[in-house]
Amino acid sequence: GYAEGAFKVRLPPEGTVERIFPLDFTGYNLPEE
C-alpha cells in the first residue's frame, strides 16, 4: 500500500543516530474500504 522508499544515511564512527523514514501512501492492492 506504499511506494518503496530508498534512502541514504551517513553514520559516524560511534554513537546513536535517530532517523524518521517517511513512505508515500498509494493504496495499491489494498481493499477499497
All heavy atoms as atom14 arrays in JSON, in Angstrom:
{
  "sequence": "GYAEGAFKVRLPPEGTVERIFPLDFTGYNLPEE",
  "atom14_mask": [
    [1, 1, 1, 1, 0, 0, 0, 0, 0, 0, 0, 0, 0, 0],
    [1, 1, 1, 1, 1, 1, 1, 1, 1, 1, 1, 1, 0, 0],
    [1, 1, 1, 1, 1, 0, 0, 0, 0, 0, 0, 0, 0, 0],
    [1, 1, 1, 1, 1, 1, 1, 1, 1, 0, 0, 0, 0, 0],
    [1, 1, 1, 1, 0, 0, 0, 0, 0, 0, 0, 0, 0, 0],
    [1, 1, 1, 1, 1, 0, 0, 0, 0, 0, 0, 0, 0, 0],
    [1, 1, 1, 1, 1, 1, 1, 1, 1, 1, 1, 0, 0, 0],
    [1, 1, 1, 1, 1, 1, 1, 1, 1, 0, 0, 0, 0, 0],
    [1, 1, 1, 1, 1, 1, 1, 0, 0, 0, 0, 0, 0, 0],
    [1, 1, 1, 1, 1, 1, 1, 1, 1, 1, 1, 0, 0, 0],
    [1, 1, 1, 1, 1, 1, 1, 1, 0, 0, 0, 0, 0, 0],
    [1, 1, 1, 1, 1, 1, 1, 0, 0, 0, 0, 0, 0, 0],
    [1, 1, 1, 1, 1, 1, 1, 0, 0, 0, 0, 0, 0, 0],
    [1, 1, 1, 1, 1, 1, 1, 1, 1, 0, 0, 0, 0, 0],
    [1, 1, 1, 1, 0, 0, 0, 0, 0, 0, 0, 0, 0, 0],
    [1, 1, 1, 1, 1, 1, 1, 0, 0, 0, 0, 0, 0, 0],
    [1, 1, 1, 1, 1, 1, 1, 0, 0, 0, 0, 0, 0, 0],
    [1, 1, 1, 1, 1, 1, 1, 1, 1, 0, 0, 0, 0, 0],
    [1, 1, 1, 1, 1, 1, 1, 1, 1, 1, 1, 0, 0, 0],
    [1, 1, 1, 1, 1, 1, 1, 1, 0, 0, 0, 0, 0, 0],
    [1, 1, 1, 1, 1, 1, 1, 1, 1, 1, 1, 0, 0, 0],
    [1, 1, 1, 1, 1, 1, 1, 0, 0, 0, 0, 0, 0, 0],
    [1, 1, 1, 1, 1, 1, 1, 1, 0, 0, 0, 0, 0, 0],
    [1, 1, 1, 1, 1, 1, 1, 1, 0, 0, 0, 0, 0, 0],
    [1, 1, 1, 1, 1, 1, 1, 1, 1, 1, 1, 0, 0, 0],
    [1, 1, 1, 1, 1, 1, 1, 0, 0, 0, 0, 0, 0, 0],
    [1, 1, 1, 1, 0, 0, 0, 0, 0, 0, 0, 0, 0, 0],
    [1, 1, 1, 1, 1, 1, 1, 1, 1, 1, 1, 1, 0, 0],
    [1, 1, 1, 1, 1, 1, 1, 1, 0, 0, 0, 0, 0, 0],
    [1, 1, 1, 1, 1, 1, 1, 1, 0, 0, 0, 0, 0, 0],
    [1, 1, 1, 1, 1, 1, 1, 0, 0, 0, 0, 0, 0, 0],
    [1, 1, 1, 1, 1, 1, 1, 1, 1, 0, 0, 0, 0, 0],
    [1, 1, 1, 1, 1, 1, 1, 1, 1, 0, 0, 0, 0, 0]
  ],
  "atom14_positions": [
    [[0.78, -1.23, 0.0], [0.0, 0.0, 0.0], [0.81, 1.27, 0.0], [0.23, 2.37, 0.0], [0.0, 0.0, 0.0], [0.0, 0.0, 0.0], [0.0, 0.0, 0.0], [0.0, 0.0, 0.0], [0.0, 0.0, 0.0], [0.0, 0.0, 0.0], [0.0, 0.0, 0.0], [0.0, 0.0, 0.0], [0.0, 0.0, 0.0], [0.0, 0.0, 0.0]],
    [[2.15, 1.16, -0.01], [3.02, 2.34, 0.0], [4.07, 2.22, -1.11], [4.48, 1.12, -1.47], [3.74, 2.49, 1.34], [2.85, 2.97, 2.46], [2.02, 2.08, 3.15], [2.81, 4.32, 2.82], [1.19, 2.51, 4.17], [1.99, 4.76, 3.85], [1.19, 3.86, 4.52], [0.36, 4.29, 5.53], [0.0, 0.0, 0.0], [0.0, 0.0, 0.0]],
    [[4.49, 3.37, -1.62], [5.58, 3.38, -2.59], [6.88, 3.01, -1.88], [7.09, 3.35, -0.7], [5.72, 4.76, -3.23], [0.0, 0.0, 0.0], [0.0, 0.0, 0.0], [0.0, 0.0, 0.0], [0.0, 0.0, 0.0], [0.0, 0.0, 0.0], [0.0, 0.0, 0.0], [0.0, 0.0, 0.0], [0.0, 0.0, 0.0], [0.0, 0.0, 0.0]],
    [[7.74, 2.28, -2.57], [9.03, 1.89, -1.99], [9.84, 3.13, -1.62], [9.91, 4.1, -2.38], [9.81, 1.04, -2.98], [11.19, 0.65, -2.5], [11.97, -0.15, -3.53], [11.55, -1.28, -3.83], [12.97, 0.38, -4.05], [0.0, 0.0, 0.0], [0.0, 0.0, 0.0], [0.0, 0.0, 0.0], [0.0, 0.0, 0.0], [0.0, 0.0, 0.0]],
    [[10.45, 3.1, -0.46], [11.31, 4.2, -0.03], [12.77, 3.8, -0.09], [13.14, 2.72, 0.39], [0.0, 0.0, 0.0], [0.0, 0.0, 0.0], [0.0, 0.0, 0.0], [0.0, 0.0, 0.0], [0.0, 0.0, 0.0], [0.0, 0.0, 0.0], [0.0, 0.0, 0.0], [0.0, 0.0, 0.0], [0.0, 0.0, 0.0], [0.0, 0.0, 0.0]],
    [[13.6, 4.62, -0.72], [15.04, 4.36, -0.82], [15.78, 5.55, -0.24], [15.55, 6.7, -0.66], [15.45, 4.12, -2.27], [0.0, 0.0, 0.0], [0.0, 0.0, 0.0], [0.0, 0.0, 0.0], [0.0, 0.0, 0.0], [0.0, 0.0, 0.0], [0.0, 0.0, 0.0], [0.0, 0.0, 0.0], [0.0, 0.0, 0.0], [0.0, 0.0, 0.0]],
    [[16.65, 5.31, 0.72], [17.3, 6.38, 1.46], [18.8, 6.12, 1.59], [19.25, 4.96, 1.54], [16.71, 6.51, 2.87], [15.21, 6.64, 2.89], [14.41, 5.51, 2.94], [14.61, 7.89, 2.86], [13.03, 5.62, 2.95], [13.23, 8.0, 2.87], [12.43, 6.87, 2.92], [0.0, 0.0, 0.0], [0.0, 0.0, 0.0], [0.0, 0.0, 0.0]],
    [[19.55, 7.2, 1.76], [20.97, 7.11, 2.08], [21.19, 7.76, 3.44], [20.68, 8.84, 3.72], [21.82, 7.81, 1.02], [21.98, 7.02, -0.27], [22.97, 7.7, -1.21], [23.19, 6.86, -2.46], [24.18, 7.51, -3.38], [0.0, 0.0, 0.0], [0.0, 0.0, 0.0], [0.0, 0.0, 0.0], [0.0, 0.0, 0.0], [0.0, 0.0, 0.0]],
    [[21.96, 7.1, 4.28], [22.26, 7.6, 5.62], [23.75, 7.52, 5.86], [24.37, 6.49, 5.56], [21.49, 6.8, 6.7], [21.86, 7.31, 8.09], [19.99, 6.89, 6.48], [0.0, 0.0, 0.0], [0.0, 0.0, 0.0], [0.0, 0.0, 0.0], [0.0, 0.0, 0.0], [0.0, 0.0, 0.0], [0.0, 0.0, 0.0], [0.0, 0.0, 0.0]],
    [[24.33, 8.59, 6.38], [25.75, 8.58, 6.74], [25.88, 8.45, 8.25], [25.31, 9.24, 9.0], [26.44, 9.86, 6.25], [27.94, 9.88, 6.57], [28.64, 11.01, 5.83], [28.65, 10.76, 4.4], [29.54, 9.98, 3.8], [30.46, 9.35, 4.51], [29.48, 9.82, 2.49], [0.0, 0.0, 0.0], [0.0, 0.0, 0.0], [0.0, 0.0, 0.0]],
    [[26.62, 7.43, 8.68], [26.76, 7.14, 10.1], [28.15, 7.52, 10.6], [29.14, 7.33, 9.89], [26.52, 5.65, 10.35], [25.13, 5.14, 9.97], [25.09, 3.62, 10.05], [24.08, 5.75, 10.87], [0.0, 0.0, 0.0], [0.0, 0.0, 0.0], [0.0, 0.0, 0.0], [0.0, 0.0, 0.0], [0.0, 0.0, 0.0], [0.0, 0.0, 0.0]],
    [[28.24, 8.03, 11.83], [29.53, 8.38, 12.42], [30.26, 7.12, 12.91], [29.69, 6.03, 12.92], [29.13, 9.28, 13.59], [27.79, 8.76, 14.0], [27.11, 8.34, 12.72], [0.0, 0.0, 0.0], [0.0, 0.0, 0.0], [0.0, 0.0, 0.0], [0.0, 0.0, 0.0], [0.0, 0.0, 0.0], [0.0, 0.0, 0.0], [0.0, 0.0, 0.0]],
    [[31.51, 7.25, 13.34], [32.26, 6.07, 13.83], [31.62, 5.41, 15.05], [31.81, 4.21, 15.26], [33.64, 6.64, 14.16], [33.77, 7.87, 13.32], [32.38, 8.44, 13.25], [0.0, 0.0, 0.0], [0.0, 0.0, 0.0], [0.0, 0.0, 0.0], [0.0, 0.0, 0.0], [0.0, 0.0, 0.0], [0.0, 0.0, 0.0], [0.0, 0.0, 0.0]],
    [[30.89, 6.19, 15.84], [30.27, 5.6, 17.04], [29.1, 6.47, 17.46], [28.88, 7.55, 16.92], [31.29, 5.5, 18.18], [31.89, 6.83, 18.57], [32.94, 6.69, 19.66], [33.36, 5.54, 19.93], [33.32, 7.72, 20.24], [0.0, 0.0, 0.0], [0.0, 0.0, 0.0], [0.0, 0.0, 0.0], [0.0, 0.0, 0.0], [0.0, 0.0, 0.0]],
    [[28.32, 5.97, 18.43], [27.17, 6.72, 18.93], [25.87, 6.21, 18.32], [25.82, 5.19, 17.65], [0.0, 0.0, 0.0], [0.0, 0.0, 0.0], [0.0, 0.0, 0.0], [0.0, 0.0, 0.0], [0.0, 0.0, 0.0], [0.0, 0.0, 0.0], [0.0, 0.0, 0.0], [0.0, 0.0, 0.0], [0.0, 0.0, 0.0], [0.0, 0.0, 0.0]],
    [[24.79, 6.97, 18.56], [23.46, 6.6, 18.09], [22.91, 7.68, 17.18], [22.98, 8.87, 17.5], [22.51, 6.39, 19.28], [23.01, 5.33, 20.11], [21.1, 6.04, 18.8], [0.0, 0.0, 0.0], [0.0, 0.0, 0.0], [0.0, 0.0, 0.0], [0.0, 0.0, 0.0], [0.0, 0.0, 0.0], [0.0, 0.0, 0.0], [0.0, 0.0, 0.0]],
    [[22.37, 7.27, 16.05], [21.75, 8.18, 15.09], [20.27, 7.85, 14.99], [19.9, 6.69, 14.81], [22.41, 8.05, 13.7], [21.68, 8.9, 12.67], [23.88, 8.45, 13.77], [0.0, 0.0, 0.0], [0.0, 0.0, 0.0], [0.0, 0.0, 0.0], [0.0, 0.0, 0.0], [0.0, 0.0, 0.0], [0.0, 0.0, 0.0], [0.0, 0.0, 0.0]],
    [[19.41, 8.86, 15.14], [17.98, 8.66, 15.04], [17.46, 9.26, 13.74], [17.83, 10.38, 13.38], [17.26, 9.28, 16.25], [17.64, 8.61, 17.57], [16.76, 9.08, 18.72], [15.89, 9.95, 18.47], [16.94, 8.56, 19.84], [0.0, 0.0, 0.0], [0.0, 0.0, 0.0], [0.0, 0.0, 0.0], [0.0, 0.0, 0.0], [0.0, 0.0, 0.0]],
    [[16.61, 8.53, 13.05], [16.07, 8.97, 11.77], [14.59, 8.6, 11.66], [14.13, 7.62, 12.26], [16.82, 8.33, 10.6], [18.22, 8.86, 10.4], [18.22, 10.27, 9.84], [19.55, 10.73, 9.51], [20.37, 11.33, 10.35], [19.96, 11.52, 11.61], [21.56, 11.72, 9.98], [0.0, 0.0, 0.0], [0.0, 0.0, 0.0], [0.0, 0.0, 0.0]],
    [[13.86, 9.39, 10.87], [12.49, 9.07, 10.5], [12.47, 8.85, 9.0], [12.95, 9.68, 8.23], [11.52, 10.21, 10.88], [11.43, 10.33, 12.41], [10.13, 9.96, 10.29], [10.54, 11.46, 12.87], [0.0, 0.0, 0.0], [0.0, 0.0, 0.0], [0.0, 0.0, 0.0], [0.0, 0.0, 0.0], [0.0, 0.0, 0.0], [0.0, 0.0, 0.0]],
    [[11.91, 7.72, 8.57], [11.82, 7.39, 7.16], [10.35, 7.41, 6.74], [9.58, 6.53, 7.14], [12.43, 6.02, 6.87], [13.9, 5.94, 7.17], [14.38, 5.08, 8.15], [14.81, 6.73, 6.48], [15.73, 5.0, 8.43], [16.17, 6.66, 6.76], [16.63, 5.79, 7.74], [0.0, 0.0, 0.0], [0.0, 0.0, 0.0], [0.0, 0.0, 0.0]],
    [[9.92, 8.41, 5.96], [8.52, 8.5, 5.54], [8.27, 7.76, 4.24], [9.07, 7.81, 3.31], [8.32, 10.01, 5.36], [9.67, 10.5, 4.94], [10.7, 9.6, 5.58], [0.0, 0.0, 0.0], [0.0, 0.0, 0.0], [0.0, 0.0, 0.0], [0.0, 0.0, 0.0], [0.0, 0.0, 0.0], [0.0, 0.0, 0.0], [0.0, 0.0, 0.0]],
    [[7.14, 7.07, 4.15], [6.71, 6.4, 2.93], [5.44, 7.04, 2.41], [4.59, 7.48, 3.19], [6.47, 4.91, 3.18], [7.66, 4.07, 3.68], [7.25, 2.61, 3.78], [8.87, 4.23, 2.78], [0.0, 0.0, 0.0], [0.0, 0.0, 0.0], [0.0, 0.0, 0.0], [0.0, 0.0, 0.0], [0.0, 0.0, 0.0], [0.0, 0.0, 0.0]],
    [[5.29, 7.09, 1.09], [4.13, 7.7, 0.45], [3.04, 6.66, 0.2], [3.28, 5.63, -0.44], [4.52, 8.35, -0.88], [5.52, 9.48, -0.69], [5.55, 10.06, 0.41], [6.26, 9.78, -1.65], [0.0, 0.0, 0.0], [0.0, 0.0, 0.0], [0.0, 0.0, 0.0], [0.0, 0.0, 0.0], [0.0, 0.0, 0.0], [0.0, 0.0, 0.0]],
    [[1.85, 6.93, 0.7], [0.73, 6.01, 0.56], [0.25, 5.97, -0.89], [0.11, 7.02, -1.53], [-0.41, 6.45, 1.47], [-1.57, 5.49, 1.5], [-1.56, 4.39, 2.32], [-2.69, 5.7, 0.69], [-2.62, 3.5, 2.36], [-3.76, 4.82, 0.71], [-3.73, 3.72, 1.54], [0.0, 0.0, 0.0], [0.0, 0.0, 0.0], [0.0, 0.0, 0.0]],
    [[-0.02, 4.77, -1.42], [-0.58, 4.62, -2.76], [-1.91, 3.89, -2.74], [-2.73, 4.08, -3.63], [0.38, 3.83, -3.66], [0.53, 2.5, -3.15], [1.75, 4.5, -3.73], [0.0, 0.0, 0.0], [0.0, 0.0, 0.0], [0.0, 0.0, 0.0], [0.0, 0.0, 0.0], [0.0, 0.0, 0.0], [0.0, 0.0, 0.0], [0.0, 0.0, 0.0]],
    [[-2.12, 3.05, -1.73], [-3.34, 2.25, -1.67], [-3.33, 1.06, -2.61], [-4.3, 0.31, -2.67], [0.0, 0.0, 0.0], [0.0, 0.0, 0.0], [0.0, 0.0, 0.0], [0.0, 0.0, 0.0], [0.0, 0.0, 0.0], [0.0, 0.0, 0.0], [0.0, 0.0, 0.0], [0.0, 0.0, 0.0], [0.0, 0.0, 0.0], [0.0, 0.0, 0.0]],
    [[-2.21, 0.87, -3.31], [-2.14, -0.19, -4.32], [-2.31, -1.56, -3.67], [-1.66, -1.89, -2.68], [-0.81, -0.11, -5.04], [-0.69, -1.03, -6.23], [-1.5, -0.85, -7.35], [0.22, -2.08, -6.24], [-1.41, -1.69, -8.43], [0.33, -2.92, -7.33], [-0.5, -2.73, -8.43], [-0.4, -3.58, -9.51], [0.0, 0.0, 0.0], [0.0, 0.0, 0.0]],
    [[-3.23, -2.36, -4.22], [-3.53, -3.71, -3.76], [-4.15, -3.76, -2.37], [-4.19, -4.82, -1.74], [-2.28, -4.6, -3.78], [-1.94, -5.06, -5.18], [-2.78, -5.04, -6.08], [-0.71, -5.48, -5.39], [0.0, 0.0, 0.0], [0.0, 0.0, 0.0], [0.0, 0.0, 0.0], [0.0, 0.0, 0.0], [0.0, 0.0, 0.0], [0.0, 0.0, 0.0]],
    [[-4.63, -2.62, -1.88], [-5.34, -2.62, -0.6], [-6.85, -2.62, -0.85], [-7.32, -2.14, -1.89], [-4.95, -1.39, 0.21], [-3.53, -1.34, 0.77], [-3.31, -0.05, 1.55], [-3.23, -2.54, 1.65], [0.0, 0.0, 0.0], [0.0, 0.0, 0.0], [0.0, 0.0, 0.0], [0.0, 0.0, 0.0], [0.0, 0.0, 0.0], [0.0, 0.0, 0.0]],
    [[-7.65, -3.12, 0.09], [-9.1, -3.11, -0.08], [-9.63, -1.69, -0.24], [-9.08, -0.73, 0.32], [-9.6, -3.75, 1.23], [-8.45, -4.55, 1.74], [-7.22, -3.8, 1.33], [0.0, 0.0, 0.0], [0.0, 0.0, 0.0], [0.0, 0.0, 0.0], [0.0, 0.0, 0.0], [0.0, 0.0, 0.0], [0.0, 0.0, 0.0], [0.0, 0.0, 0.0]],
    [[-10.73, -1.54, -0.97], [-11.3, -0.22, -1.26], [-11.69, 0.5, 0.03], [-11.56, 1.72, 0.13], [-12.51, -0.37, -2.17], [-13.14, 0.96, -2.58], [-12.19, 1.86, -3.34], [-11.31, 1.33, -4.06], [-12.32, 3.09, -3.2], [0.0, 0.0, 0.0], [0.0, 0.0, 0.0], [0.0, 0.0, 0.0], [0.0, 0.0, 0.0], [0.0, 0.0, 0.0]],
    [[-12.16, -0.25, 1.04], [-12.57, 0.41, 2.28], [-11.39, 1.03, 3.01], [-11.53, 2.04, 3.71], [-13.3, -0.56, 3.2], [-12.53, -1.82, 3.55], [-12.81, -2.97, 2.61], [-13.23, -2.72, 1.47], [-12.63, -4.13, 3.05], [0.0, 0.0, 0.0], [0.0, 0.0, 0.0], [0.0, 0.0, 0.0], [0.0, 0.0, 0.0], [0.0, 0.0, 0.0]]
  ]
}
